Amino acid sequence: MGTHVHQDQLRLLRSQSGKITIVTIVIILIVAAAVYFAIIFAPPYIEHYKFDEKLRAVANLSHRVKNEEMLRKDIDRELKNLDMELPYDAIQIRFDPMGEWVEFSAAYARVVELVPFGSKVTLHFDSLVVERFD
C-alpha cells in the first residue's frame, strides 16, 4: 500500500509523459522561498520574543524594587543572558506619579542581511509592558 500511495502522489507532480510540470516547479520554488525566509527572519523574532519575556519578568519584580536604576541593572543583566546589546535609550521606564503602575517600553531595530543577494532589511521591534501595583 505504501508504494502505491507514493506512486499516486508522484503522478500528481508529473504529467502523463513523465515530465515534471510547471506547477510542480512553482510549488517547489514557493516551498524553497518559505524555508529561506524562515531561516533568515526567524532568529530576530525569536530573540525579540525572549527579550519581551525577560522584560515582563523584570516588570514583575517592580512590585518589590521601585528604583529605576536597579530595574535597569536587572534589564541589563537579562540582556547579557540573552547575548543582546541595546542602546541605553532603547528602553524607557516610566513610573506613575500616583504610584499605581510602572511602564516599560522598548523600541529597537535589527538589520537582517539577505545572504546571497547582498541587500539588507531593517526589522523594527517594540515592547510595552505595564505593571500595576494593585
N, C-alpha and C. Protein backbone atom coordinates (compact mmCIF):
# COMPACT_ATOMS: atom_id res chain seq x y z
N MET A 1 0.82 -1.18 0.00
CA MET A 1 0.00 0.00 0.00
C MET A 1 0.87 1.26 0.00
N GLY A 2 1.99 1.25 0.73
CA GLY A 2 2.84 2.42 0.84
C GLY A 2 3.41 2.87 -0.49
N THR A 3 3.91 1.94 -1.32
CA THR A 3 4.49 2.34 -2.60
C THR A 3 3.40 2.77 -3.57
N HIS A 4 2.24 2.17 -3.47
CA HIS A 4 1.13 2.56 -4.35
C HIS A 4 0.70 4.00 -4.08
N VAL A 5 0.58 4.37 -2.80
CA VAL A 5 0.22 5.74 -2.45
C VAL A 5 1.30 6.69 -2.91
N HIS A 6 2.55 6.32 -2.72
CA HIS A 6 3.67 7.17 -3.13
C HIS A 6 3.65 7.39 -4.65
N GLN A 7 3.40 6.34 -5.40
CA GLN A 7 3.35 6.45 -6.85
C GLN A 7 2.20 7.36 -7.30
N ASP A 8 1.06 7.28 -6.59
CA ASP A 8 -0.07 8.16 -6.92
C ASP A 8 0.29 9.62 -6.68
N GLN A 9 1.01 9.88 -5.61
CA GLN A 9 1.42 11.25 -5.32
C GLN A 9 2.40 11.76 -6.38
N LEU A 10 3.31 10.91 -6.84
CA LEU A 10 4.25 11.31 -7.88
C LEU A 10 3.54 11.59 -9.19
N ARG A 11 2.48 10.86 -9.47
CA ARG A 11 1.73 11.09 -10.70
C ARG A 11 1.12 12.48 -10.71
N LEU A 12 0.74 12.98 -9.53
CA LEU A 12 0.17 14.32 -9.46
C LEU A 12 1.21 15.38 -9.81
N LEU A 13 2.48 15.10 -9.52
CA LEU A 13 3.54 16.07 -9.77
C LEU A 13 4.11 15.97 -11.18
N ARG A 14 3.78 14.93 -11.89
CA ARG A 14 4.30 14.73 -13.24
C ARG A 14 3.16 14.72 -14.25
N SER A 15 3.48 15.06 -15.44
CA SER A 15 2.47 14.98 -16.49
C SER A 15 2.37 13.53 -16.95
N GLN A 16 1.49 13.27 -17.88
CA GLN A 16 1.32 11.89 -18.37
C GLN A 16 2.57 11.39 -19.10
N SER A 17 3.35 12.30 -19.63
CA SER A 17 4.56 11.88 -20.33
C SER A 17 5.72 11.61 -19.38
N GLY A 18 5.52 11.89 -18.07
CA GLY A 18 6.55 11.61 -17.09
C GLY A 18 7.43 12.81 -16.77
N LYS A 19 7.19 13.93 -17.43
CA LYS A 19 7.99 15.13 -17.17
C LYS A 19 7.40 15.91 -16.00
N ILE A 20 8.26 16.63 -15.31
CA ILE A 20 7.81 17.48 -14.19
C ILE A 20 7.10 18.70 -14.78
N THR A 21 5.96 19.03 -14.21
CA THR A 21 5.15 20.13 -14.76
C THR A 21 5.60 21.47 -14.19
N ILE A 22 5.13 22.53 -14.82
CA ILE A 22 5.40 23.90 -14.36
C ILE A 22 4.82 24.11 -12.97
N VAL A 23 3.66 23.54 -12.72
CA VAL A 23 3.03 23.67 -11.40
C VAL A 23 3.94 23.09 -10.33
N THR A 24 4.56 21.97 -10.61
CA THR A 24 5.48 21.35 -9.66
C THR A 24 6.66 22.26 -9.38
N ILE A 25 7.20 22.85 -10.42
CA ILE A 25 8.35 23.75 -10.25
C ILE A 25 7.95 24.96 -9.42
N VAL A 26 6.77 25.52 -9.68
CA VAL A 26 6.30 26.67 -8.90
C VAL A 26 6.11 26.29 -7.44
N ILE A 27 5.54 25.12 -7.18
CA ILE A 27 5.35 24.67 -5.80
C ILE A 27 6.69 24.50 -5.10
N ILE A 28 7.66 23.92 -5.78
CA ILE A 28 8.99 23.73 -5.19
C ILE A 28 9.64 25.09 -4.90
N LEU A 29 9.49 26.05 -5.81
CA LEU A 29 10.06 27.38 -5.59
C LEU A 29 9.39 28.09 -4.42
N ILE A 30 8.09 27.95 -4.28
CA ILE A 30 7.37 28.57 -3.16
C ILE A 30 7.82 27.97 -1.84
N VAL A 31 7.95 26.66 -1.79
CA VAL A 31 8.40 26.00 -0.56
C VAL A 31 9.84 26.40 -0.23
N ALA A 32 10.70 26.47 -1.24
CA ALA A 32 12.10 26.88 -1.02
C ALA A 32 12.16 28.32 -0.51
N ALA A 33 11.35 29.21 -1.08
CA ALA A 33 11.33 30.60 -0.62
C ALA A 33 10.84 30.69 0.82
N ALA A 34 9.82 29.92 1.16
CA ALA A 34 9.30 29.94 2.53
C ALA A 34 10.36 29.45 3.52
N VAL A 35 11.08 28.41 3.17
CA VAL A 35 12.15 27.90 4.04
C VAL A 35 13.26 28.94 4.17
N TYR A 36 13.65 29.57 3.06
CA TYR A 36 14.69 30.60 3.08
C TYR A 36 14.30 31.75 4.01
N PHE A 37 13.09 32.28 3.85
CA PHE A 37 12.67 33.41 4.68
C PHE A 37 12.52 33.00 6.14
N ALA A 38 12.11 31.78 6.40
CA ALA A 38 12.03 31.32 7.79
C ALA A 38 13.42 31.27 8.43
N ILE A 39 14.39 30.80 7.68
CA ILE A 39 15.76 30.72 8.21
C ILE A 39 16.34 32.12 8.43
N ILE A 40 16.05 33.04 7.55
CA ILE A 40 16.61 34.39 7.65
C ILE A 40 15.92 35.22 8.74
N PHE A 41 14.59 35.17 8.80
CA PHE A 41 13.85 36.08 9.68
C PHE A 41 13.47 35.49 11.04
N ALA A 42 13.50 34.21 11.21
CA ALA A 42 13.10 33.62 12.49
C ALA A 42 14.01 34.03 13.65
N PRO A 43 15.34 34.02 13.52
CA PRO A 43 16.18 34.36 14.68
C PRO A 43 15.91 35.73 15.30
N PRO A 44 15.76 36.82 14.53
CA PRO A 44 15.46 38.10 15.19
C PRO A 44 14.11 38.10 15.91
N TYR A 45 13.13 37.42 15.35
CA TYR A 45 11.81 37.37 16.00
C TYR A 45 11.85 36.51 17.26
N ILE A 46 12.61 35.43 17.24
CA ILE A 46 12.77 34.61 18.45
C ILE A 46 13.51 35.40 19.52
N GLU A 47 14.55 36.14 19.11
CA GLU A 47 15.30 36.98 20.05
C GLU A 47 14.37 38.01 20.69
N HIS A 48 13.52 38.63 19.89
CA HIS A 48 12.58 39.63 20.42
C HIS A 48 11.59 38.99 21.39
N TYR A 49 11.11 37.82 21.07
CA TYR A 49 10.17 37.13 21.96
C TYR A 49 10.83 36.86 23.31
N LYS A 50 12.07 36.38 23.29
CA LYS A 50 12.80 36.11 24.54
C LYS A 50 13.03 37.40 25.32
N PHE A 51 13.40 38.48 24.62
CA PHE A 51 13.61 39.76 25.28
C PHE A 51 12.31 40.25 25.92
N ASP A 52 11.21 40.13 25.21
CA ASP A 52 9.91 40.58 25.72
C ASP A 52 9.55 39.80 27.00
N GLU A 53 9.83 38.51 27.02
CA GLU A 53 9.56 37.71 28.22
C GLU A 53 10.44 38.17 29.39
N LYS A 54 11.70 38.47 29.13
CA LYS A 54 12.60 38.95 30.18
C LYS A 54 12.16 40.32 30.69
N LEU A 55 11.69 41.18 29.79
CA LEU A 55 11.20 42.49 30.19
C LEU A 55 9.97 42.34 31.10
N ARG A 56 9.11 41.39 30.79
CA ARG A 56 7.94 41.12 31.64
C ARG A 56 8.36 40.60 33.02
N ALA A 57 9.41 39.80 33.05
CA ALA A 57 9.90 39.29 34.33
C ALA A 57 10.45 40.42 35.19
N VAL A 58 11.19 41.34 34.59
CA VAL A 58 11.72 42.49 35.34
C VAL A 58 10.56 43.38 35.78
N ALA A 59 9.58 43.55 34.93
CA ALA A 59 8.41 44.35 35.32
C ALA A 59 7.70 43.74 36.52
N ASN A 60 7.66 42.44 36.56
CA ASN A 60 7.03 41.75 37.70
C ASN A 60 7.81 42.02 38.98
N LEU A 61 9.13 42.19 38.88
CA LEU A 61 9.96 42.49 40.05
C LEU A 61 9.72 43.91 40.57
N SER A 62 9.14 44.75 39.74
CA SER A 62 8.98 46.16 40.13
C SER A 62 8.01 46.33 41.29
N HIS A 63 7.29 45.29 41.67
CA HIS A 63 6.45 45.35 42.87
C HIS A 63 7.33 45.51 44.11
N ARG A 64 8.50 44.86 44.08
CA ARG A 64 9.42 44.93 45.22
C ARG A 64 10.46 46.02 45.06
N VAL A 65 10.95 46.21 43.83
CA VAL A 65 12.00 47.18 43.56
C VAL A 65 11.38 48.34 42.79
N LYS A 66 11.34 49.50 43.41
CA LYS A 66 10.73 50.65 42.74
C LYS A 66 11.78 51.71 42.41
N ASN A 67 12.99 51.24 42.16
CA ASN A 67 14.10 52.11 41.83
C ASN A 67 14.46 51.89 40.36
N GLU A 68 14.44 52.96 39.58
CA GLU A 68 14.68 52.83 38.14
C GLU A 68 16.06 52.27 37.84
N GLU A 69 17.07 52.72 38.55
CA GLU A 69 18.44 52.25 38.28
C GLU A 69 18.58 50.76 38.58
N MET A 70 17.95 50.29 39.65
CA MET A 70 18.01 48.86 39.97
C MET A 70 17.28 48.04 38.90
N LEU A 71 16.15 48.55 38.43
CA LEU A 71 15.42 47.85 37.37
C LEU A 71 16.23 47.83 36.07
N ARG A 72 16.91 48.93 35.78
CA ARG A 72 17.77 48.96 34.59
C ARG A 72 18.91 47.96 34.70
N LYS A 73 19.47 47.80 35.89
CA LYS A 73 20.53 46.81 36.08
C LYS A 73 19.99 45.40 35.85
N ASP A 74 18.76 45.16 36.31
CA ASP A 74 18.14 43.85 36.06
C ASP A 74 17.93 43.62 34.57
N ILE A 75 17.49 44.65 33.87
CA ILE A 75 17.30 44.53 32.42
C ILE A 75 18.64 44.30 31.72
N ASP A 76 19.66 45.03 32.13
CA ASP A 76 21.00 44.83 31.55
C ASP A 76 21.50 43.41 31.78
N ARG A 77 21.26 42.88 32.96
CA ARG A 77 21.67 41.51 33.27
C ARG A 77 20.95 40.52 32.35
N GLU A 78 19.65 40.75 32.16
CA GLU A 78 18.88 39.87 31.28
C GLU A 78 19.35 39.99 29.83
N LEU A 79 19.71 41.20 29.41
CA LEU A 79 20.23 41.38 28.06
C LEU A 79 21.54 40.62 27.87
N LYS A 80 22.39 40.63 28.90
CA LYS A 80 23.64 39.86 28.82
C LYS A 80 23.35 38.38 28.72
N ASN A 81 22.36 37.90 29.49
CA ASN A 81 21.99 36.49 29.43
C ASN A 81 21.51 36.10 28.03
N LEU A 82 20.85 37.02 27.36
CA LEU A 82 20.37 36.77 26.00
C LEU A 82 21.42 37.05 24.94
N ASP A 83 22.57 37.58 25.36
CA ASP A 83 23.63 37.99 24.46
C ASP A 83 23.12 39.04 23.46
N MET A 84 22.39 40.01 24.02
CA MET A 84 21.83 41.11 23.23
C MET A 84 22.44 42.41 23.71
N GLU A 85 22.61 43.32 22.78
CA GLU A 85 23.04 44.67 23.13
C GLU A 85 22.03 45.65 22.59
N LEU A 86 21.56 46.53 23.48
CA LEU A 86 20.64 47.59 23.08
C LEU A 86 21.18 48.91 23.63
N PRO A 87 20.99 49.99 22.91
CA PRO A 87 21.40 51.29 23.45
C PRO A 87 20.61 51.62 24.71
N TYR A 88 21.19 52.43 25.56
CA TYR A 88 20.56 52.81 26.83
C TYR A 88 19.17 53.41 26.60
N ASP A 89 19.05 54.26 25.59
CA ASP A 89 17.78 54.94 25.36
C ASP A 89 16.75 54.08 24.62
N ALA A 90 17.09 52.84 24.28
CA ALA A 90 16.13 51.95 23.63
C ALA A 90 15.06 51.48 24.61
N ILE A 91 15.39 51.52 25.90
CA ILE A 91 14.45 51.06 26.93
C ILE A 91 14.08 52.24 27.82
N GLN A 92 12.80 52.46 27.97
CA GLN A 92 12.29 53.54 28.82
C GLN A 92 11.53 52.93 29.99
N ILE A 93 11.73 53.50 31.16
CA ILE A 93 10.98 53.10 32.35
C ILE A 93 10.29 54.35 32.87
N ARG A 94 8.98 54.23 33.03
CA ARG A 94 8.21 55.40 33.47
C ARG A 94 7.30 54.98 34.63
N PHE A 95 7.44 55.67 35.76
CA PHE A 95 6.60 55.40 36.92
C PHE A 95 5.41 56.36 36.94
N ASP A 96 4.28 55.84 37.35
CA ASP A 96 3.09 56.67 37.53
C ASP A 96 3.32 57.63 38.69
N PRO A 97 3.02 58.93 38.53
CA PRO A 97 3.21 59.88 39.63
C PRO A 97 2.39 59.52 40.87
N MET A 98 1.29 58.82 40.69
CA MET A 98 0.44 58.41 41.82
C MET A 98 0.92 57.09 42.45
N GLY A 99 1.92 56.44 41.81
CA GLY A 99 2.47 55.20 42.36
C GLY A 99 1.61 53.98 42.11
N GLU A 100 0.77 54.02 41.08
CA GLU A 100 -0.13 52.89 40.82
C GLU A 100 0.41 51.91 39.77
N TRP A 101 1.36 52.31 38.94
CA TRP A 101 1.89 51.44 37.90
C TRP A 101 3.28 51.89 37.47
N VAL A 102 3.94 51.00 36.75
CA VAL A 102 5.21 51.31 36.09
C VAL A 102 5.10 50.79 34.66
N GLU A 103 5.67 51.56 33.74
CA GLU A 103 5.60 51.20 32.32
C GLU A 103 7.01 50.99 31.77
N PHE A 104 7.21 49.87 31.12
CA PHE A 104 8.47 49.57 30.45
C PHE A 104 8.19 49.57 28.95
N SER A 105 8.94 50.36 28.22
CA SER A 105 8.79 50.35 26.77
C SER A 105 10.17 50.21 26.14
N ALA A 106 10.20 49.47 25.06
CA ALA A 106 11.46 49.27 24.35
C ALA A 106 11.19 49.38 22.85
N ALA A 107 12.06 50.03 22.16
CA ALA A 107 11.98 50.14 20.70
C ALA A 107 13.40 50.02 20.15
N TYR A 108 13.57 49.09 19.24
CA TYR A 108 14.88 48.89 18.65
C TYR A 108 14.73 48.28 17.26
N ALA A 109 15.81 48.25 16.53
CA ALA A 109 15.80 47.71 15.17
C ALA A 109 16.92 46.68 15.02
N ARG A 110 16.67 45.74 14.15
CA ARG A 110 17.68 44.74 13.79
C ARG A 110 17.80 44.73 12.27
N VAL A 111 19.03 44.74 11.79
CA VAL A 111 19.28 44.68 10.35
C VAL A 111 19.57 43.23 9.99
N VAL A 112 18.84 42.74 9.01
CA VAL A 112 19.00 41.36 8.55
C VAL A 112 19.50 41.41 7.12
N GLU A 113 20.59 40.68 6.87
CA GLU A 113 21.15 40.64 5.52
C GLU A 113 20.54 39.47 4.77
N LEU A 114 20.03 39.74 3.58
CA LEU A 114 19.50 38.70 2.71
C LEU A 114 20.69 38.11 1.96
N VAL A 115 21.16 36.98 2.44
CA VAL A 115 22.51 36.49 2.16
C VAL A 115 22.89 36.43 0.69
N PRO A 116 22.46 35.69 -0.19
CA PRO A 116 23.20 35.75 -1.45
C PRO A 116 22.93 37.01 -2.27
N PHE A 117 21.92 37.78 -1.86
CA PHE A 117 21.51 38.94 -2.66
C PHE A 117 22.24 40.22 -2.28
N GLY A 118 22.85 40.26 -1.12
CA GLY A 118 23.60 41.43 -0.69
C GLY A 118 22.76 42.60 -0.24
N SER A 119 21.47 42.44 -0.16
CA SER A 119 20.63 43.54 0.34
C SER A 119 20.31 43.31 1.81
N LYS A 120 19.84 44.38 2.45
CA LYS A 120 19.55 44.32 3.88
C LYS A 120 18.13 44.80 4.14
N VAL A 121 17.54 44.24 5.18
CA VAL A 121 16.19 44.61 5.61
C VAL A 121 16.28 45.00 7.08
N THR A 122 15.65 46.11 7.44
CA THR A 122 15.63 46.54 8.83
C THR A 122 14.30 46.16 9.45
N LEU A 123 14.36 45.39 10.52
CA LEU A 123 13.17 44.98 11.26
C LEU A 123 13.06 45.85 12.50
N HIS A 124 11.88 46.38 12.76
CA HIS A 124 11.65 47.23 13.93
C HIS A 124 10.83 46.46 14.95
N PHE A 125 11.29 46.49 16.20
CA PHE A 125 10.61 45.78 17.28
C PHE A 125 10.21 46.76 18.37
N ASP A 126 9.04 46.54 18.94
CA ASP A 126 8.53 47.36 20.04
C ASP A 126 7.99 46.44 21.12
N SER A 127 8.20 46.82 22.36
CA SER A 127 7.61 46.12 23.51
C SER A 127 7.03 47.15 24.44
N LEU A 128 5.91 46.82 25.03
CA LEU A 128 5.29 47.68 26.02
C LEU A 128 4.72 46.79 27.11
N VAL A 129 5.21 47.01 28.34
CA VAL A 129 4.75 46.24 29.50
C VAL A 129 4.34 47.22 30.57
N VAL A 130 3.12 47.10 31.06
CA VAL A 130 2.63 47.94 32.14
C VAL A 130 2.34 47.03 33.32
N GLU A 131 2.98 47.32 34.44
CA GLU A 131 2.77 46.53 35.66
C GLU A 131 2.03 47.39 36.67
N ARG A 132 0.88 46.92 37.08
CA ARG A 132 0.06 47.64 38.07
C ARG A 132 0.42 47.19 39.49
N PHE A 133 0.39 48.12 40.41
CA PHE A 133 0.74 47.82 41.81
C PHE A 133 -0.49 47.61 42.67
N ASP A 134 -1.55 47.07 42.10
CA ASP A 134 -2.81 46.85 42.86
C ASP A 134 -2.62 45.91 44.01
